[in-house]
Structures are given as structure tokens and as C-alpha cells.
């Protein structure tokens, strides 16, 4: 009986934080008073609420899966594991993506289909809206020597505290980042907490981000970028089922990239990029500079954007080197 009480003690400690108490209550669609009654042993949650509670507290998931069966039986843990194992991309969604890819005009195809995929990924990976950002990170255009020197965030979606639409948050990434490591090696990587990231792998953490995973977007031996997923919860990517789901979405994204967006791994030689705060002023000038290049060099919008992105990339690479001196 003492072991059974431990999950309630854990819940009691967690909900001492008023914001966390409110968040959990919102996810479970119960009152904060109900959470207190559970913690105090005054009432028992229904099985469905227990499953939601485990999902709402990913950093405490393993502990809860060990403690809850002591009061509610081993069948509870089995039900949760089965529920996780079934988390795959629905076949109907594959059909939806294929239809959109075949029917949309080429100029709209990538952005529209990518948006649909990211929204579905967010819905499946963060069903209880604990806080997540999913971003497509793409290789920049080759430099004069044919090498890929940086990556650029292309499109993203998020749940609070991140903005739902993240297209405007452009960011260049390099060898200092998780995305850079994954694209360079061609291997996925999950960093379960900030401390692990600081000491073992390259990572440039942003506000609210406590864990992250990146999966390369590849076509055979060629790479186009990666799918980057960030969570407000530590240890959110411990579960193999969740990592597999990210893999499936990265593979689905690979089908909508143009063939010339993929590069041989030997061409990936990333430099290092300065922090977002340093990049912000240069990135803010993108639209104005693009208009100027279109007029001065008589280029189309797409051609002018490419020129300006490459100019900004070169300026950021120099800024990092100057900052290191």
C-alpha cells in the first residue's frame, strides 16, 4: 500500500507549481480541485484519466508506469504500452498527401503539402498540447566551391508556448546545432535534456526547449535536411514509438522535396552560425534586399531570393568567425 501511495506523492509535488497544475488539469479536462483530491488520496482517477496523466507528464512517464500498476493492476501499464505501439501515420493521411501532391500547382506544392504534414505530425506527437515545435530544416544552396555551408529553417508549426505558425522565424543553423550534427552524419539523434545536450552533443537551445530530436530527410545516400522536433518536456523522446513516428514523418517529407534539393553527404561541410539574436537584424532585411536585387539585376523573385539568402549566409559565417576572435 505504501508503494501505491507514491504516485500520489509524486503528483502532489508536481502540482505545487500553480502553472503546472493548471496545465495538467487542462490536458485532462478536470478541475484543479480534482487533481488535489487524487494527490491526497480522497478519490481515484478513471482509467482514461490515468492514461492521460501519464501522457501529460512525459518526464515522469517511466516512474508512473512503475507505480500506477501497484494500485490499479498490471493491465493498466499494458494498455498504455499498446496505445503507444499503435501510433502510426494513418493510411488515410498518406492518401491525402498523395492527392495534394498530384493536384496542386508546382509553385504551391511544397509549401502546401509540407504545411499539411507538419500539422498532422504536431497533432500526433503532441496530442495533449504540452508544448512542441516541429520544423523542417533544409540544406542551403551550395557555395561557390560546391559545398553546403549551412542549413536554414524552412517551415514550422508549434503548440503553446510556441506560436502556431512559425514560418516567419527564419534561422540559419550550422555545425553548432543538433540539426547540423544529424545532417552531417546522416543519422537521427534525440537529446533528452539540456544537460545531456551541453555535454555530449552540439545543440543551440531556444527558450522553453527542454528536449529535442532530429531525423535526416534522405533519398538513398543523399540528404536534403532534417525534421527537427522540440518539446517543453525533458525526456519526451525516450519512447521508441515516438521516435519511430518522427522517422515516418521525415520519410514522408522526403517524398515532397525536389530531386535537386538532395546533396551527396560528401558535400556537407557546415560552418558555425551565430546565435539567433545576432542573426535577427540581417534576417529582417531579407525582403528589402530581395526587392533591390530584383530591380538592380533584373532577376525573378525566386532568383533574387536565392542571391540574398546566399549573401546573408556568407555574412553570418563571417560574423561568427569575427565573434570568435
Protein backbone atom coordinates (compact mmCIF):
# COMPACT_ATOMS: atom_id res chain seq x y z
CA UNK A 1 0.00 0.00 0.00
CA UNK A 2 2.93 2.27 0.69
CA UNK A 3 4.18 1.81 -2.90
CA UNK A 4 0.73 2.59 -4.27
CA UNK A 5 0.75 5.90 -2.40
CA UNK A 6 3.99 7.01 -4.06
CA UNK A 7 2.38 8.07 -7.36
CA UNK A 8 0.06 10.35 -5.39
CA UNK A 9 3.03 11.85 -3.55
CA UNK A 10 4.71 12.47 -6.91
CA UNK A 11 1.57 14.14 -8.29
CA UNK A 12 1.34 16.27 -5.16
CA UNK A 13 4.88 17.58 -5.65
CA UNK A 14 4.27 18.33 -9.33
CA UNK A 15 1.07 20.31 -8.78
CA UNK A 16 2.66 22.54 -6.18
CA UNK A 17 3.58 24.61 -9.22
CA UNK A 18 0.32 26.51 -9.96
CA UNK A 19 1.04 26.80 -13.69
CA UNK A 20 1.79 23.11 -13.99
CA UNK A 21 -1.33 22.26 -12.02
CA UNK A 22 -3.44 24.36 -14.39
CA UNK A 23 -1.78 22.85 -17.46
CA UNK A 24 -2.35 19.24 -16.32
CA UNK A 25 -5.96 20.00 -15.40
CA UNK A 26 -6.50 21.46 -18.86
CA UNK A 27 -4.99 18.44 -20.60
CA UNK A 28 -7.10 16.00 -18.57
CA UNK A 29 -10.19 18.26 -18.70
CA UNK A 30 -10.67 18.05 -14.94
CA UNK A 31 -10.63 20.72 -12.24
CA UNK A 32 -7.55 21.59 -10.24
CA UNK A 33 -9.52 20.51 -7.15
CA UNK A 34 -9.80 17.03 -8.64
CA UNK A 35 -6.03 16.85 -9.03
CA UNK A 36 -5.60 17.79 -5.37
CA UNK A 37 -8.10 15.10 -4.33
CA UNK A 38 -6.16 12.49 -6.30
CA UNK A 39 -2.90 13.57 -4.71
CA UNK A 40 -4.44 13.45 -1.24
CA UNK A 41 -5.96 10.01 -1.80
CA UNK A 42 -9.51 11.34 -1.47
CA UNK A 43 -10.59 9.96 -4.86
CA UNK A 44 -9.38 7.70 -7.66
CA UNK A 45 -8.90 8.71 -11.29
CA UNK A 46 -10.73 6.79 -14.00
CA UNK A 47 -8.52 4.57 -16.23
CA UNK A 48 -8.81 7.02 -19.13
CA UNK A 49 -7.66 9.88 -16.90
CA UNK A 50 -4.70 7.80 -15.72
CA UNK A 51 -3.57 7.27 -19.30
CA UNK A 52 -3.93 10.99 -19.98
CA UNK A 53 -1.97 11.77 -16.83
CA UNK A 54 0.94 9.59 -17.97
CA UNK A 55 0.94 11.27 -21.39
CA UNK A 56 0.76 14.74 -19.83
CA UNK A 57 3.89 14.05 -17.74
CA UNK A 58 6.40 12.52 -20.18
CA UNK A 59 9.41 13.25 -17.96
CA UNK A 60 7.78 11.17 -15.20
CA UNK A 61 6.35 8.54 -17.53
CA UNK A 62 8.58 5.62 -16.55
CA UNK A 63 8.09 6.27 -12.85
CA UNK A 64 4.31 6.42 -13.23
CA UNK A 65 4.28 3.22 -15.29
CA UNK A 66 6.10 1.51 -12.42
CA UNK A 67 3.94 2.94 -9.63
CA UNK A 68 0.40 3.03 -11.03
CA UNK A 69 0.05 -0.75 -11.61
CA UNK A 70 0.68 -1.30 -7.89
CA UNK A 71 -2.70 0.27 -7.22
CA UNK A 72 -4.57 -0.26 -10.49
CA UNK A 73 -3.17 -3.57 -11.75
CA UNK A 74 -0.68 -4.63 -14.44
CA UNK A 75 -3.34 -4.34 -17.13
CA UNK A 76 -3.06 -0.54 -16.86
CA UNK A 77 0.59 -0.49 -18.00
CA UNK A 78 -0.17 -2.96 -20.80
CA UNK A 79 -2.99 -0.74 -22.06
CA UNK A 80 -0.72 2.30 -22.16
CA UNK A 81 2.05 0.41 -23.99
CA UNK A 82 -0.40 -0.95 -26.58
CA UNK A 83 -1.78 2.55 -27.08
CA UNK A 84 1.75 3.84 -27.81
CA UNK A 85 2.61 0.95 -30.14
CA UNK A 86 -0.35 1.78 -32.38
CA UNK A 87 0.84 5.32 -33.00
CA UNK A 88 1.49 5.30 -36.73
CA UNK A 89 0.62 7.73 -39.51
CA UNK A 90 -2.94 6.85 -40.63
CA UNK A 91 -3.18 5.36 -44.11
CA UNK A 92 -5.88 7.90 -44.94
CA UNK A 93 -3.36 10.67 -44.32
CA UNK A 94 -0.89 9.16 -46.79
CA UNK A 95 -3.70 9.22 -49.35
CA UNK A 96 -4.43 12.86 -48.54
CA UNK A 97 -0.77 13.84 -49.03
CA UNK A 98 -0.55 11.94 -52.32
CA UNK A 99 -3.70 13.62 -53.63
CA UNK A 100 -2.43 17.09 -52.69
CA UNK A 101 0.96 16.42 -54.26
CA UNK A 102 -0.61 15.29 -57.53
CA UNK A 103 -3.21 18.05 -57.84
CA UNK A 104 -1.58 21.25 -56.56
CA UNK A 105 0.32 23.58 -58.94
CA UNK A 106 4.08 23.13 -58.68
CA UNK A 107 4.62 26.62 -57.27
CA UNK A 108 2.35 25.80 -54.29
CA UNK A 109 3.10 22.10 -53.93
CA UNK A 110 5.99 22.05 -51.47
CA UNK A 111 4.77 24.72 -49.05
CA UNK A 112 1.16 23.48 -49.01
CA UNK A 113 1.92 19.77 -48.62
CA UNK A 114 4.69 20.46 -46.09
CA UNK A 115 2.25 22.51 -44.02
CA UNK A 116 -0.30 19.68 -44.02
CA UNK A 117 2.36 17.16 -42.94
CA UNK A 118 3.65 19.35 -40.10
CA UNK A 119 0.18 19.96 -38.74
CA UNK A 120 -0.56 16.23 -38.70
CA UNK A 121 2.81 15.50 -37.10
CA UNK A 122 2.12 18.05 -34.38
CA UNK A 123 -1.33 16.58 -33.77
CA UNK A 124 0.10 13.08 -33.29
CA UNK A 125 3.32 13.92 -31.47
CA UNK A 126 1.76 16.42 -29.04
CA UNK A 127 -1.90 15.34 -28.71
CA UNK A 128 -2.21 16.84 -25.24
CA UNK A 129 -0.53 20.12 -26.20
CA UNK A 130 2.21 20.02 -23.58
CA UNK A 131 4.30 22.27 -25.86
CA UNK A 132 6.06 21.31 -29.07
CA UNK A 133 7.68 22.81 -32.17
CA UNK A 134 8.16 20.84 -35.42
CA UNK A 135 10.41 22.39 -38.05
CA UNK A 136 11.68 21.45 -41.49
CA UNK A 137 15.37 22.35 -41.75
CA UNK A 138 16.76 22.42 -45.30
CA UNK A 139 20.26 22.47 -46.75
CA UNK A 140 21.23 25.89 -48.07
CA UNK A 141 22.24 26.32 -51.70
CA UNK A 142 25.81 25.19 -52.47
CA UNK A 143 28.53 27.81 -52.10
CA UNK A 144 30.97 28.68 -54.91
CA UNK A 145 33.08 25.60 -54.12
CA UNK A 146 30.03 23.33 -54.33
CA UNK A 147 29.91 22.70 -50.57
CA UNK A 148 26.87 23.06 -48.28
CA UNK A 149 27.94 25.53 -45.63
CA UNK A 150 24.76 25.90 -43.58
CA UNK A 151 21.14 24.89 -43.04
CA UNK A 152 18.06 27.09 -42.96
CA UNK A 153 14.76 26.60 -41.16
CA UNK A 154 12.16 26.40 -43.91
CA UNK A 155 8.78 25.99 -42.23
CA UNK A 156 7.48 25.16 -38.78
CA UNK A 157 4.44 24.67 -36.60
CA UNK A 158 4.04 24.73 -32.83
CA UNK A 159 1.74 24.43 -29.84
CA UNK A 160 1.90 26.92 -26.94
CA UNK A 161 4.17 28.35 -25.66
CA UNK A 162 5.46 28.37 -29.25
CA UNK A 163 3.46 30.15 -31.92
CA UNK A 164 1.20 28.01 -34.02
CA UNK A 165 2.69 29.38 -37.24
CA UNK A 166 6.47 29.68 -37.35
CA UNK A 167 7.15 30.47 -41.00
CA UNK A 168 8.39 33.94 -40.10
CA UNK A 169 11.01 32.65 -37.63
CA UNK A 170 13.78 32.03 -40.13
CA UNK A 171 17.02 30.79 -38.60
CA UNK A 172 20.34 29.65 -40.04
CA UNK A 173 21.93 26.61 -38.39
CA UNK A 174 25.37 25.09 -38.68
CA UNK A 175 27.77 22.63 -37.09
CA UNK A 176 26.90 24.03 -33.64
CA UNK A 177 23.34 22.66 -33.83
CA UNK A 178 21.54 19.34 -33.41
CA UNK A 179 20.22 19.70 -36.96
CA UNK A 180 23.75 20.24 -38.23
CA UNK A 181 25.01 17.10 -36.48
CA UNK A 182 22.18 14.98 -37.91
CA UNK A 183 22.53 16.28 -41.47
CA UNK A 184 26.32 15.86 -41.40
CA UNK A 185 26.21 12.29 -40.08
CA UNK A 186 23.00 11.18 -41.80
CA UNK A 187 21.86 9.63 -38.51
CA UNK A 188 18.96 10.60 -36.22
CA UNK A 189 19.62 11.84 -32.71
CA UNK A 190 17.45 12.53 -29.68
CA UNK A 191 18.72 14.74 -26.85
CA UNK A 192 16.63 14.05 -23.78
CA UNK A 193 17.53 17.12 -21.72
CA UNK A 194 19.56 20.33 -21.87
CA UNK A 195 22.33 18.97 -19.65
CA UNK A 196 22.89 15.99 -21.97
CA UNK A 197 22.97 18.33 -24.95
CA UNK A 198 25.55 20.62 -23.40
CA UNK A 199 27.99 17.87 -22.51
CA UNK A 200 27.61 15.23 -25.24
CA UNK A 201 26.25 16.71 -28.46
CA UNK A 202 26.13 20.04 -30.29
CA UNK A 203 22.89 21.91 -29.65
CA UNK A 204 21.71 25.51 -29.64
CA UNK A 205 18.81 25.59 -27.20
CA UNK A 206 15.99 28.10 -27.53
CA UNK A 207 13.54 29.40 -24.96
CA UNK A 208 11.19 26.72 -23.50
CA UNK A 209 13.07 23.86 -25.20
CA UNK A 210 13.95 21.01 -22.81
CA UNK A 211 14.42 18.05 -25.18
CA UNK A 212 14.74 17.65 -28.93
CA UNK A 213 15.08 15.10 -31.72
CA UNK A 214 16.16 15.47 -35.34
CA UNK A 215 15.77 12.93 -38.13
CA UNK A 216 17.54 13.31 -41.50
CA UNK A 217 15.45 13.80 -44.65
CA UNK A 218 17.19 11.49 -47.12
CA UNK A 219 16.82 9.88 -50.52
CA UNK A 220 19.16 6.92 -50.63
CA UNK A 221 22.61 8.29 -49.79
CA UNK A 222 21.59 11.90 -50.46
CA UNK A 223 20.40 14.37 -47.79
CA UNK A 224 18.11 17.41 -48.08
CA UNK A 225 17.93 18.47 -44.43
CA UNK A 226 16.13 17.15 -41.37
CA UNK A 227 12.90 17.19 -39.40
CA UNK A 228 13.58 18.92 -36.07
CA UNK A 229 11.18 18.36 -33.16
CA UNK A 230 11.49 20.24 -29.86
CA UNK A 231 9.50 19.76 -26.63
CA UNK A 232 8.99 21.75 -23.46
CA UNK A 233 9.27 18.45 -21.55
CA UNK A 234 12.52 16.72 -20.67
CA UNK A 235 12.76 13.06 -21.79
CA UNK A 236 9.88 13.48 -24.22
CA UNK A 237 11.65 11.40 -26.88
CA UNK A 238 12.58 8.42 -24.71
CA UNK A 239 9.80 6.23 -26.11
CA UNK A 240 10.79 4.22 -29.17
CA UNK A 241 7.25 4.56 -30.58
CA UNK A 242 7.56 8.35 -30.56
CA UNK A 243 10.97 8.22 -32.26
CA UNK A 244 9.59 5.89 -34.94
CA UNK A 245 6.74 8.30 -35.61
CA UNK A 246 9.25 11.11 -36.20
CA UNK A 247 11.10 8.80 -38.59
CA UNK A 248 7.89 8.13 -40.55
CA UNK A 249 7.20 11.86 -40.93
CA UNK A 250 10.77 12.57 -42.04
CA UNK A 251 10.43 9.83 -44.66
CA UNK A 252 7.12 11.25 -45.81
CA UNK A 253 8.68 14.71 -46.15
CA UNK A 254 11.46 13.29 -48.32
CA UNK A 255 8.83 12.48 -50.98
CA UNK A 256 7.86 16.14 -51.50
CA UNK A 257 11.35 17.63 -51.94
CA UNK A 258 12.51 18.30 -55.48
CA UNK A 259 15.35 15.97 -56.62
CA UNK A 260 17.84 18.87 -56.81
CA UNK A 261 17.28 19.63 -53.09
CA UNK A 262 19.23 16.48 -52.15
CA UNK A 263 23.02 16.52 -51.88
CA UNK A 264 25.76 13.97 -51.55
CA UNK A 265 26.93 13.61 -47.96
CA UNK A 266 30.49 14.45 -49.03
CA UNK A 267 29.37 17.98 -49.92
CA UNK A 268 28.16 18.76 -46.40
CA UNK A 269 30.81 20.93 -44.72
CA UNK A 270 28.91 23.12 -42.30
CA UNK A 271 30.37 26.21 -40.74
CA UNK A 272 29.15 27.66 -37.46
CA UNK A 273 26.36 30.17 -37.13
CA UNK A 274 25.90 32.95 -34.53
CA UNK A 275 23.01 32.96 -32.08
CA UNK A 276 19.52 33.92 -33.27
CA UNK A 277 19.76 37.31 -31.53
CA UNK A 278 22.79 38.11 -33.69
CA UNK A 279 21.09 36.84 -36.86
CA UNK A 280 17.87 38.79 -36.34
CA UNK A 281 18.89 42.15 -37.86
CA UNK A 282 20.29 40.57 -41.03
CA UNK A 283 17.26 38.32 -41.46
CA UNK A 284 14.92 41.29 -41.03
CA UNK A 285 16.46 42.90 -44.10
CA UNK A 286 15.69 39.95 -46.38
CA UNK A 287 12.56 41.30 -48.11
CA UNK A 288 14.02 44.75 -48.73
CA UNK A 289 17.27 43.34 -50.08
CA UNK A 290 15.39 40.93 -52.33
CA UNK A 291 13.40 43.78 -53.88
CA UNK A 292 16.59 45.73 -54.52
CA UNK A 293 18.31 42.77 -56.20
CA UNK A 294 15.27 42.14 -58.41
CA UNK A 295 15.38 45.72 -59.68
CA UNK A 296 19.15 46.10 -59.98
CA UNK A 297 19.93 42.72 -61.55
CA UNK A 298 16.62 42.16 -63.39
CA UNK A 299 16.02 38.84 -61.69
CA UNK A 300 12.84 36.95 -60.92
CA UNK A 301 11.67 36.73 -57.32
CA UNK A 302 12.98 33.17 -56.91
CA UNK A 303 16.37 34.06 -58.39
CA UNK A 304 16.68 37.19 -56.26
CA UNK A 305 15.76 35.32 -53.07
CA UNK A 306 18.46 32.77 -53.74
CA UNK A 307 21.06 35.51 -54.22
CA UNK A 308 20.09 37.27 -50.99
CA UNK A 309 19.96 34.07 -48.93
CA UNK A 310 23.48 33.26 -50.06
CA UNK A 311 24.64 36.79 -49.22
CA UNK A 312 23.14 36.54 -45.73
CA UNK A 313 24.67 33.10 -45.21
CA UNK A 314 28.13 34.42 -46.06
CA UNK A 315 27.70 37.44 -43.78
CA UNK A 316 26.59 35.22 -40.87
CA UNK A 317 29.51 32.85 -41.33
CA UNK A 318 31.87 35.85 -41.18
CA UNK A 319 30.08 37.25 -38.13
CA UNK A 320 30.63 34.00 -36.24
CA UNK A 321 34.34 33.96 -37.10
CA UNK A 322 34.71 37.63 -36.05
CA UNK A 323 32.91 36.89 -32.78
CA UNK A 324 35.34 34.08 -32.01
CA UNK A 325 38.41 36.33 -32.44
